[in-house]
Amino acid sequence: MSLTAQAPSTAPANPSQRVLSGMRPTGALHLGHYHGALKNWVRLQHQHTCFFFVADWHALTTHYAERQAIAQHTTEMVIDWLAAGLDPERCTLFLQSRLPEHAELFTLLAMGTPLGWLERVPTYKDQQEKLKDKDLTTYGFLGYPLLQAADILIYRAHYVPVGEDQASHVELTREAARRFNHLYGRTPDFDTQAQAMLLQVLGPDGAKRFEKNRKKFQQTGDEAAATTTLDFVATHSGFSPEQREHLSGYFKGTGRSLLVEPQVLLTEASKLPGLDGAKMSKSYGNAIALREDPTSVATKVKRMPTDPARVKRTDPGNPERCPVWQFHKVYSSPTTQQWVQAECPKAGIGCLECKQPVIDGILAEQQPMRERAKPYEANPARVRDILMHGSQRAQQVAQATMQDVRQAAGLMR
C-alpha cells in the first residue's frame, strides 16, 4: 500500500462533495459502533471525498486529567476503523492534534460567537448532569461544540454524518459559518465586483433580470426567484466557480462564503442493542468488540438473557420481548427470522438453538475484520504512518482554508 501526502488515489463518485466525521479515542470499538457509524463511513468513502479524524483534543474536554491512555486508545480505534473497511487510499484518516490550524480557526470563530449559542447546546447541560463526578466548569468543555465547528468548517465539508442527537452541533456549525461569512465575507467593493461580473457575462438585460430577482428575494423572501436565479448562475458556463460563489453571496446579501455551511447527513440509528437489550456500551459490560475472540463471542451470546416468560424449555416465548430477537433482525436471514417467529411462541425451539444463527452471523461479519486487522496488530507503527500521512494530506486543505480566513479577518499573512 502506497502512503503519500497526495489525495486518495481511488476517485469517489462525487469528489467535489466533502464529508467529515470523527470519533474520540476510546480504545477498541464494539459492534454498536460498527452498525451505528463505521458501516456508513465505509459506504461514504466510495461516494465522496471523506475526511475521518481522531478527535483527541475532544477527549481532553471531559477527561483532561486522564491522558495516559489516549495514544494507545487511538491506535486501537484506528485499527478497528481499518478492520471495518476504511481504506487510506480512498479516504483521509488523520489526527486532530497534529493540525494546529483547527485551534487557530476555533480561536477566530470564538471572537465572534455569542456565549449564549454555546450555553444552549443540548449536550452542554446533559453531559454535566451525566458526568457529575467530573469538574466540567471549564472553558474547554463549554467551547468544544465550537472546536467541533472548526473541525468541520476548516475542510469546507458539505456533509456531516451524525445521529439525531448530534444534529444540534451541526446547526451551531452552520450558525458559526454564517456569522463569520457575514462579518468577514464582504470586501468594500464586493457589490461592485458582482455587478461587473453580471454585466460582463450576461450583458445589461441579463444583469437587470438578476437584480430584479435579487431585490424580490431580499425584500419579500421569494424563494422561487432565488432558486431560479441561483440555478441559472450555477449552470452558466460563463461563470467560474469563484464567480458563482461571489454572486450567490451577493444575491443573498451574505457576502462571500468563506466557510461552507454543512448539511446534516442523518445516520440511521443502530438497530443493534447491547447483550442485555440496553444500549451497547463497554461501560455497561454488554458489548461485543469488533475483533473479539470467536470463543468469547459465542459464550457471550449463549449467556444473553431471553424472554423472562421462558423459564423452562417447554415454555412458549415471545421474540419481541427477547433481546436476542433484535440481533436476529441484524444478523439472520428472512428465512431464519420466520423460523424464530414461528417456533419460539410454541416452544418448538430452545433458546440456545435460537441463538446459534446469531453467533454464526456475528462471526461471519467479524472474520474479514479480523483478517484486515492482523497486519496492524502485528505492526502498530503502520497505524502511525497512516495517521501521519493522512494528517499531512488534511493539513494541505486546512492551510488553504486558513489563508482565506486570515486574509478576510484582516490578519497579516
Protein backbone atom coordinates (compact mmCIF):
# COMPACT_ATOMS: atom_id res chain seq x y z
CA MET A 1 0.00 0.00 0.00
CA SER A 2 1.44 3.37 -1.05
CA LEU A 3 1.27 6.13 1.52
CA THR A 4 1.86 9.67 0.25
CA ALA A 5 0.72 13.14 1.16
CA GLN A 6 -1.29 13.35 -2.04
CA ALA A 7 -5.05 12.95 -2.44
CA PRO A 8 -6.52 9.44 -2.23
CA SER A 9 -5.77 7.63 -5.49
CA THR A 10 -9.17 5.99 -5.98
CA ALA A 11 -11.64 8.60 -7.15
CA PRO A 12 -15.00 8.77 -5.31
CA ALA A 13 -18.29 9.13 -7.17
CA ASN A 14 -18.79 12.77 -6.05
CA PRO A 15 -15.29 14.12 -5.35
CA SER A 16 -16.45 17.73 -5.16
CA GLN A 17 -18.63 16.93 -2.14
CA ARG A 18 -16.66 16.57 1.08
CA VAL A 19 -17.75 14.56 4.10
CA LEU A 20 -16.19 14.94 7.54
CA SER A 21 -16.65 12.99 10.75
CA GLY A 22 -14.61 11.97 13.76
CA MET A 23 -14.54 9.92 16.95
CA ARG A 24 -12.99 10.44 20.33
CA PRO A 25 -10.30 7.82 21.00
CA THR A 26 -11.93 5.41 23.42
CA GLY A 27 -9.94 2.29 22.55
CA ALA A 28 -11.27 -0.81 20.82
CA LEU A 29 -14.71 -0.34 19.29
CA HIS A 30 -17.73 -2.64 19.51
CA LEU A 31 -20.40 -3.82 17.08
CA GLY A 32 -22.65 -0.93 18.07
CA HIS A 33 -20.04 1.49 16.72
CA TYR A 34 -19.86 -0.50 13.50
CA HIS A 35 -23.60 -0.54 12.85
CA GLY A 36 -24.10 2.99 14.17
CA ALA A 37 -21.31 4.78 12.27
CA LEU A 38 -18.44 2.81 10.76
CA LYS A 39 -20.53 0.86 8.26
CA ASN A 40 -21.85 4.18 6.97
CA TRP A 41 -18.33 5.66 6.77
CA VAL A 42 -17.16 2.70 4.69
CA ARG A 43 -20.01 3.31 2.24
CA LEU A 44 -19.42 7.08 2.08
CA GLN A 45 -15.72 6.72 1.20
CA HIS A 46 -16.80 5.34 -2.18
CA GLN A 47 -19.18 8.23 -2.85
CA HIS A 48 -17.49 11.42 -1.59
CA THR A 49 -14.13 12.87 -0.65
CA CYS A 50 -14.06 11.82 3.01
CA PHE A 51 -12.05 13.05 5.99
CA PHE A 52 -12.26 10.97 9.18
CA PHE A 53 -10.30 12.10 12.21
CA VAL A 54 -9.31 11.01 15.69
CA ALA A 55 -10.72 13.70 17.99
CA ASP A 56 -8.01 13.51 20.63
CA TRP A 57 -8.41 17.15 21.70
CA HIS A 58 -12.10 16.46 22.26
CA ALA A 59 -11.16 13.57 24.55
CA LEU A 60 -9.49 16.11 26.84
CA THR A 61 -12.61 18.29 27.13
CA THR A 62 -14.15 15.78 29.55
CA HIS A 63 -11.12 13.65 30.53
CA TYR A 64 -8.41 16.30 30.78
CA ALA A 65 -6.90 14.62 33.84
CA GLU A 66 -6.79 11.13 32.29
CA ARG A 67 -4.39 11.45 29.39
CA GLN A 68 -2.30 8.32 29.91
CA ALA A 69 -4.29 6.05 27.60
CA ILE A 70 -5.06 8.45 24.72
CA ALA A 71 -2.22 7.27 22.46
CA GLN A 72 -3.00 3.56 22.97
CA HIS A 73 -6.72 4.15 22.58
CA THR A 74 -6.03 5.98 19.32
CA THR A 75 -4.10 3.02 17.90
CA GLU A 76 -6.76 0.51 18.93
CA MET A 77 -9.57 2.62 17.49
CA VAL A 78 -7.87 3.23 14.15
CA ILE A 79 -7.09 -0.48 13.80
CA ASP A 80 -10.84 -1.03 14.17
CA TRP A 81 -11.52 1.62 11.51
CA LEU A 82 -9.20 -0.21 9.13
CA ALA A 83 -10.65 -3.58 10.12
CA ALA A 84 -14.15 -2.31 9.37
CA GLY A 85 -13.09 -1.43 5.83
CA LEU A 86 -11.89 2.17 5.80
CA ASP A 87 -9.19 2.45 3.16
CA PRO A 88 -6.47 5.15 3.46
CA GLU A 89 -6.27 5.13 -0.34
CA ARG A 90 -9.93 6.13 -0.56
CA CYS A 91 -10.32 8.47 2.42
CA THR A 92 -8.14 10.64 4.63
CA LEU A 93 -7.57 9.40 8.18
CA PHE A 94 -5.85 11.89 10.46
CA LEU A 95 -5.16 13.06 13.98
CA GLN A 96 -6.85 16.27 15.13
CA SER A 97 -3.99 17.35 17.41
CA ARG A 98 -1.47 17.21 14.53
CA LEU A 99 -3.20 20.18 12.89
CA PRO A 100 -2.80 23.48 14.79
CA GLU A 101 -4.98 25.08 12.10
CA HIS A 102 -8.02 23.60 13.86
CA ALA A 103 -7.13 25.50 17.02
CA GLU A 104 -6.47 28.70 15.06
CA LEU A 105 -9.86 28.62 13.35
CA PHE A 106 -11.50 27.77 16.68
CA THR A 107 -9.90 30.90 18.17
CA LEU A 108 -11.07 33.13 15.31
CA LEU A 109 -14.61 31.71 15.45
CA ALA A 110 -14.66 32.29 19.20
CA MET A 111 -14.07 36.01 18.70
CA GLY A 112 -17.50 36.46 17.13
CA THR A 113 -19.60 33.64 18.60
CA PRO A 114 -22.13 34.74 21.25
CA LEU A 115 -21.76 32.94 24.59
CA GLY A 116 -25.47 32.07 24.60
CA TRP A 117 -25.07 29.94 21.49
CA LEU A 118 -22.74 27.59 23.37
CA GLU A 119 -24.78 27.51 26.57
CA ARG A 120 -27.91 26.42 24.74
CA VAL A 121 -26.31 23.36 23.07
CA PRO A 122 -28.41 20.46 24.49
CA THR A 123 -25.43 18.29 25.38
CA TYR A 124 -23.83 21.04 27.49
CA LYS A 125 -26.13 20.62 30.50
CA ASP A 126 -26.88 16.99 29.68
CA GLN A 127 -23.22 15.96 29.95
CA GLN A 128 -22.74 17.99 33.11
CA GLU A 129 -25.64 16.04 34.61
CA LYS A 130 -24.35 12.65 33.44
CA LEU A 131 -20.72 13.27 34.41
CA LYS A 132 -21.24 14.69 37.88
CA ASP A 133 -18.03 13.07 39.06
CA LYS A 134 -16.01 15.38 36.79
CA ASP A 135 -15.48 19.12 37.01
CA LEU A 136 -16.82 20.32 33.68
CA THR A 137 -16.94 24.01 34.56
CA THR A 138 -14.10 24.62 32.10
CA TYR A 139 -13.77 26.81 29.03
CA GLY A 140 -12.71 23.75 27.03
CA PHE A 141 -15.95 21.93 27.79
CA LEU A 142 -18.11 24.98 27.11
CA GLY A 143 -16.30 25.63 23.85
CA TYR A 144 -16.00 22.12 22.49
CA PRO A 145 -19.01 22.50 20.13
CA LEU A 146 -17.19 25.46 18.58
CA LEU A 147 -14.00 23.42 18.27
CA GLN A 148 -16.17 20.80 16.61
CA ALA A 149 -17.42 23.52 14.26
CA ALA A 150 -13.82 24.44 13.41
CA ASP A 151 -13.07 20.75 12.70
CA ILE A 152 -15.84 20.75 10.09
CA LEU A 153 -15.51 24.22 8.61
CA ILE A 154 -11.77 24.09 8.03
CA TYR A 155 -12.35 21.36 5.40
CA ARG A 156 -15.32 23.21 3.91
CA ALA A 157 -17.25 19.97 4.35
CA HIS A 158 -20.60 19.71 2.60
CA TYR A 159 -21.95 16.88 4.76
CA VAL A 160 -21.54 15.66 8.32
CA PRO A 161 -22.91 12.16 9.05
CA VAL A 162 -24.41 12.25 12.54
CA GLY A 163 -27.24 10.77 14.55
CA GLU A 164 -30.20 12.92 15.57
CA ASP A 165 -28.64 13.56 18.98
CA GLN A 166 -25.71 15.36 17.31
CA ALA A 167 -27.72 17.41 14.79
CA SER A 168 -27.71 20.46 17.10
CA HIS A 169 -23.91 20.59 16.90
CA VAL A 170 -24.07 20.79 13.11
CA GLU A 171 -26.66 23.56 13.38
CA LEU A 172 -24.27 25.51 15.61
CA THR A 173 -21.59 24.94 12.97
CA ARG A 174 -23.90 26.39 10.32
CA GLU A 175 -24.61 29.42 12.52
CA ALA A 176 -20.90 29.95 13.17
CA ALA A 177 -20.14 29.80 9.44
CA ARG A 178 -22.99 32.17 8.64
CA ARG A 179 -21.83 34.68 11.22
CA PHE A 180 -18.20 34.50 10.09
CA ASN A 181 -19.22 34.97 6.45
CA HIS A 182 -21.39 37.93 7.43
CA LEU A 183 -18.59 39.57 9.43
CA TYR A 184 -15.71 38.92 7.06
CA GLY A 185 -17.11 37.85 3.68
CA ARG A 186 -17.80 41.35 2.36
CA THR A 187 -15.00 43.48 0.98
CA PRO A 188 -15.69 47.22 0.39
CA ASP A 189 -16.04 46.63 -3.37
CA PHE A 190 -17.92 43.32 -3.05
CA ASP A 191 -21.13 44.60 -4.66
CA THR A 192 -19.27 46.50 -7.39
CA GLN A 193 -17.34 43.36 -8.33
CA ALA A 194 -20.56 41.32 -8.53
CA GLN A 195 -22.26 43.89 -10.75
CA ALA A 196 -19.25 43.96 -13.07
CA MET A 197 -19.34 40.15 -13.37
CA LEU A 198 -23.03 40.24 -14.30
CA LEU A 199 -22.55 42.89 -16.98
CA GLN A 200 -19.55 41.11 -18.46
CA VAL A 201 -21.19 37.70 -18.74
CA LEU A 202 -24.93 38.40 -19.02
CA GLY A 203 -25.00 41.84 -20.57
CA PRO A 204 -27.27 44.74 -19.47
CA ASP A 205 -30.57 42.85 -19.88
CA GLY A 206 -29.40 39.74 -18.05
CA ALA A 207 -27.88 41.81 -15.25
CA LYS A 208 -31.14 43.73 -14.90
CA ARG A 209 -33.15 40.49 -14.54
CA PHE A 210 -30.69 39.24 -11.92
CA GLU A 211 -31.04 42.49 -9.95
CA LYS A 212 -34.83 42.35 -10.16
CA ASN A 213 -34.92 38.82 -8.70
CA ARG A 214 -32.32 39.77 -6.09
CA LYS A 215 -34.46 42.67 -4.91
CA LYS A 216 -37.55 40.44 -4.86
CA PHE A 217 -35.77 37.83 -2.73
CA GLN A 218 -34.21 40.26 -0.26
CA GLN A 219 -37.40 42.27 0.22
CA THR A 220 -40.04 39.53 0.24
CA GLY A 221 -38.09 36.29 0.69
CA ASP A 222 -39.26 34.99 -2.70
CA GLU A 223 -37.72 31.51 -2.73
CA ALA A 224 -38.83 30.80 -6.31
CA ALA A 225 -36.89 33.83 -7.53
CA ALA A 226 -33.85 32.66 -5.56
CA THR A 227 -33.98 29.09 -6.85
CA THR A 228 -34.43 30.12 -10.48
CA THR A 229 -31.68 32.73 -10.43
CA LEU A 230 -29.09 30.78 -8.45
CA ASP A 231 -29.67 27.62 -10.51
CA PHE A 232 -29.13 29.70 -13.64
CA VAL A 233 -25.85 31.10 -12.31
CA ALA A 234 -24.70 27.67 -11.10
CA THR A 235 -25.11 26.14 -14.58
CA HIS A 236 -23.99 29.08 -16.74
CA SER A 237 -20.71 28.22 -18.44
CA GLY A 238 -19.61 31.84 -18.46
CA PHE A 239 -19.03 31.96 -14.68
CA SER A 240 -16.08 30.42 -12.87
CA PRO A 241 -16.68 28.57 -9.57
CA GLU A 242 -15.31 31.58 -7.65
CA GLN A 243 -17.66 33.93 -9.50
CA ARG A 244 -20.65 31.68 -8.81
CA GLU A 245 -19.82 31.72 -5.10
CA HIS A 246 -19.41 35.51 -5.18
CA LEU A 247 -22.71 36.04 -6.99
CA SER A 248 -24.54 33.68 -4.65
CA GLY A 249 -23.37 35.73 -1.67
CA TYR A 250 -24.27 38.96 -3.46
CA PHE A 251 -27.76 37.66 -4.29
CA LYS A 252 -28.43 36.54 -0.71
CA GLY A 253 -26.81 39.61 0.84
CA THR A 254 -24.48 37.48 2.93
CA GLY A 255 -21.15 38.14 1.26
CA ARG A 256 -18.62 35.60 0.07
CA SER A 257 -18.96 32.11 1.54
CA LEU A 258 -15.53 31.85 3.08
CA LEU A 259 -16.77 28.94 5.19
CA VAL A 260 -19.25 26.41 3.81
CA GLU A 261 -22.44 25.77 5.79
CA PRO A 262 -22.51 21.95 6.10
CA GLN A 263 -25.61 19.83 5.80
CA VAL A 264 -26.59 17.08 8.23
CA LEU A 265 -26.35 13.62 6.74
CA LEU A 266 -28.55 11.78 9.23
CA THR A 267 -27.19 8.38 10.10
CA GLU A 268 -29.76 5.70 10.80
CA ALA A 269 -29.69 4.80 14.46
CA SER A 270 -28.01 1.49 15.17
CA LYS A 271 -30.51 -1.35 15.37
CA LEU A 272 -28.09 -3.37 17.45
CA PRO A 273 -28.62 -3.10 21.22
CA GLY A 274 -26.34 -4.43 23.92
CA LEU A 275 -26.44 -8.05 25.02
CA ASP A 276 -28.95 -7.14 27.73
CA GLY A 277 -31.23 -5.13 25.45
CA ALA A 278 -29.94 -1.72 26.62
CA LYS A 279 -27.63 0.49 24.54
CA MET A 280 -24.39 -1.31 23.71
CA SER A 281 -21.54 0.18 25.74
CA LYS A 282 -18.23 -1.01 27.13
CA SER A 283 -19.04 0.76 30.39
CA TYR A 284 -22.27 -1.26 30.70
CA GLY A 285 -20.45 -4.55 30.18
CA ASN A 286 -22.90 -5.57 27.45
CA ALA A 287 -20.76 -5.14 24.33
CA ILE A 288 -19.10 -7.35 21.75
CA ALA A 289 -15.85 -5.91 20.42
CA LEU A 290 -15.27 -5.69 16.68
CA ARG A 291 -12.31 -8.05 16.88
CA GLU A 292 -13.42 -10.16 19.83
CA ASP A 293 -12.24 -13.75 20.03
CA PRO A 294 -14.80 -16.16 18.46
CA THR A 295 -14.99 -18.29 21.60
CA SER A 296 -15.73 -15.22 23.70
CA VAL A 297 -18.41 -14.09 21.22
CA ALA A 298 -20.13 -17.47 21.38
CA THR A 299 -20.01 -17.52 25.18
CA LYS A 300 -21.46 -14.01 25.48
CA VAL A 301 -24.34 -14.69 23.10
CA LYS A 302 -25.17 -18.01 24.78
CA ARG A 303 -25.42 -16.17 28.10
CA MET A 304 -27.70 -13.47 26.76
CA PRO A 305 -30.97 -13.04 28.68
CA THR A 306 -34.07 -14.15 26.81
CA ASP A 307 -37.83 -13.73 27.21
CA PRO A 308 -38.42 -13.77 31.00
CA ALA A 309 -41.53 -15.91 30.43
CA ARG A 310 -39.41 -18.79 29.10
CA VAL A 311 -38.29 -20.27 32.38
CA LYS A 312 -38.32 -23.85 31.08
CA ARG A 313 -37.59 -25.28 27.63
CA THR A 314 -41.26 -26.16 27.22
CA ASP A 315 -42.50 -22.62 27.99
CA PRO A 316 -43.68 -20.63 24.96
CA GLY A 317 -41.84 -17.36 24.27
CA ASN A 318 -42.37 -14.03 22.54
CA PRO A 319 -39.48 -12.87 20.28
CA GLU A 320 -40.46 -9.22 20.73
CA ARG A 321 -39.70 -9.50 24.46
CA CYS A 322 -36.32 -11.14 23.88
CA PRO A 323 -33.04 -9.20 23.35
CA VAL A 324 -31.83 -11.99 21.06
CA TRP A 325 -34.57 -11.13 18.54
CA GLN A 326 -33.00 -7.69 17.94
CA PHE A 327 -29.78 -9.47 16.95
CA HIS A 328 -31.74 -11.75 14.61
CA LYS A 329 -33.05 -8.63 12.84
CA VAL A 330 -29.47 -7.60 12.10
CA TYR A 331 -27.71 -10.94 11.54
CA SER A 332 -30.27 -13.52 10.41
CA SER A 333 -31.78 -14.14 7.00
CA PRO A 334 -35.53 -13.64 6.47
CA THR A 335 -35.94 -17.42 6.47
CA THR A 336 -34.26 -17.74 9.87
CA GLN A 337 -36.31 -14.86 11.26
CA GLN A 338 -39.51 -16.57 10.10
CA TRP A 339 -38.32 -19.78 11.77
CA VAL A 340 -37.82 -17.96 15.09
CA GLN A 341 -41.20 -16.22 14.88
CA ALA A 342 -42.96 -19.49 14.12
CA GLU A 343 -41.20 -21.79 16.58
CA CYS A 344 -40.46 -19.63 19.64
CA PRO A 345 -44.14 -18.92 20.55
CA LYS A 346 -44.91 -22.64 20.60
CA ALA A 347 -41.65 -23.70 22.31
CA GLY A 348 -40.62 -25.50 19.15
CA ILE A 349 -37.00 -24.41 19.65
CA GLY A 350 -34.86 -23.86 22.71
CA CYS A 351 -33.07 -20.60 23.46
CA LEU A 352 -29.58 -21.98 22.77
CA GLU A 353 -30.82 -23.35 19.45
CA CYS A 354 -32.29 -19.93 18.66
CA LYS A 355 -29.01 -18.15 19.48
CA GLN A 356 -26.79 -20.23 17.18
CA PRO A 357 -27.69 -18.37 13.93
CA VAL A 358 -26.87 -15.10 15.69
CA ILE A 359 -23.47 -16.44 16.73
CA ASP A 360 -22.84 -17.62 13.17
CA GLY A 361 -23.88 -14.25 11.75
CA ILE A 362 -21.64 -12.23 14.08
CA LEU A 363 -18.63 -14.47 13.46
CA ALA A 364 -19.15 -14.27 9.69
CA GLU A 365 -19.24 -10.47 9.89
CA GLN A 366 -16.15 -10.32 12.09
CA GLN A 367 -13.99 -12.75 10.12
CA PRO A 368 -12.88 -10.28 7.40
CA MET A 369 -12.42 -7.61 10.08
CA ARG A 370 -10.02 -9.82 12.00
CA GLU A 371 -8.11 -10.57 8.80
CA ARG A 372 -7.82 -6.90 7.83
CA ALA A 373 -6.63 -6.04 11.35
CA LYS A 374 -3.79 -8.61 11.54
CA PRO A 375 -1.08 -6.56 9.74
CA TYR A 376 -1.73 -3.57 12.01
CA GLU A 377 -1.89 -5.64 15.19
CA ALA A 378 1.46 -7.16 14.25
CA ASN A 379 2.98 -3.78 13.41
CA PRO A 380 1.20 -0.82 15.10
CA ALA A 381 3.75 1.54 13.51
CA ARG A 382 1.73 1.18 10.29
CA VAL A 383 -1.17 2.91 12.04
CA ARG A 384 1.09 5.80 12.99
CA ASP A 385 2.27 6.06 9.38
CA ILE A 386 -1.29 6.17 8.08
CA LEU A 387 -2.22 8.90 10.54
CA MET A 388 0.95 10.87 9.79
CA HIS A 389 0.43 10.86 6.02
CA GLY A 390 -3.30 11.46 6.43
CA SER A 391 -2.57 14.42 8.68
CA GLN A 392 -0.21 15.85 6.06
CA ARG A 393 -2.89 15.47 3.41
CA ALA A 394 -5.53 17.07 5.63
CA GLN A 395 -3.17 19.91 6.51
CA GLN A 396 -2.88 20.93 2.87
CA VAL A 397 -6.64 21.52 2.79
CA ALA A 398 -6.71 23.18 6.22
CA GLN A 399 -3.90 25.58 5.32
CA ALA A 400 -5.66 26.64 2.12
CA THR A 401 -8.79 27.49 4.13
CA MET A 402 -6.81 29.39 6.75
CA GLN A 403 -5.09 31.51 4.09
CA ASP A 404 -8.51 32.79 3.01
CA VAL A 405 -9.73 33.14 6.59
CA ARG A 406 -6.70 35.10 7.79
CA GLN A 407 -6.89 37.47 4.85
CA ALA A 408 -10.63 38.02 5.34
CA ALA A 409 -10.14 38.67 9.07
CA GLY A 410 -7.56 41.35 8.31
CA LEU A 411 -4.57 39.43 9.68
CA MET A 412 -1.14 39.76 8.11
CA ARG A 413 -0.05 36.79 6.03
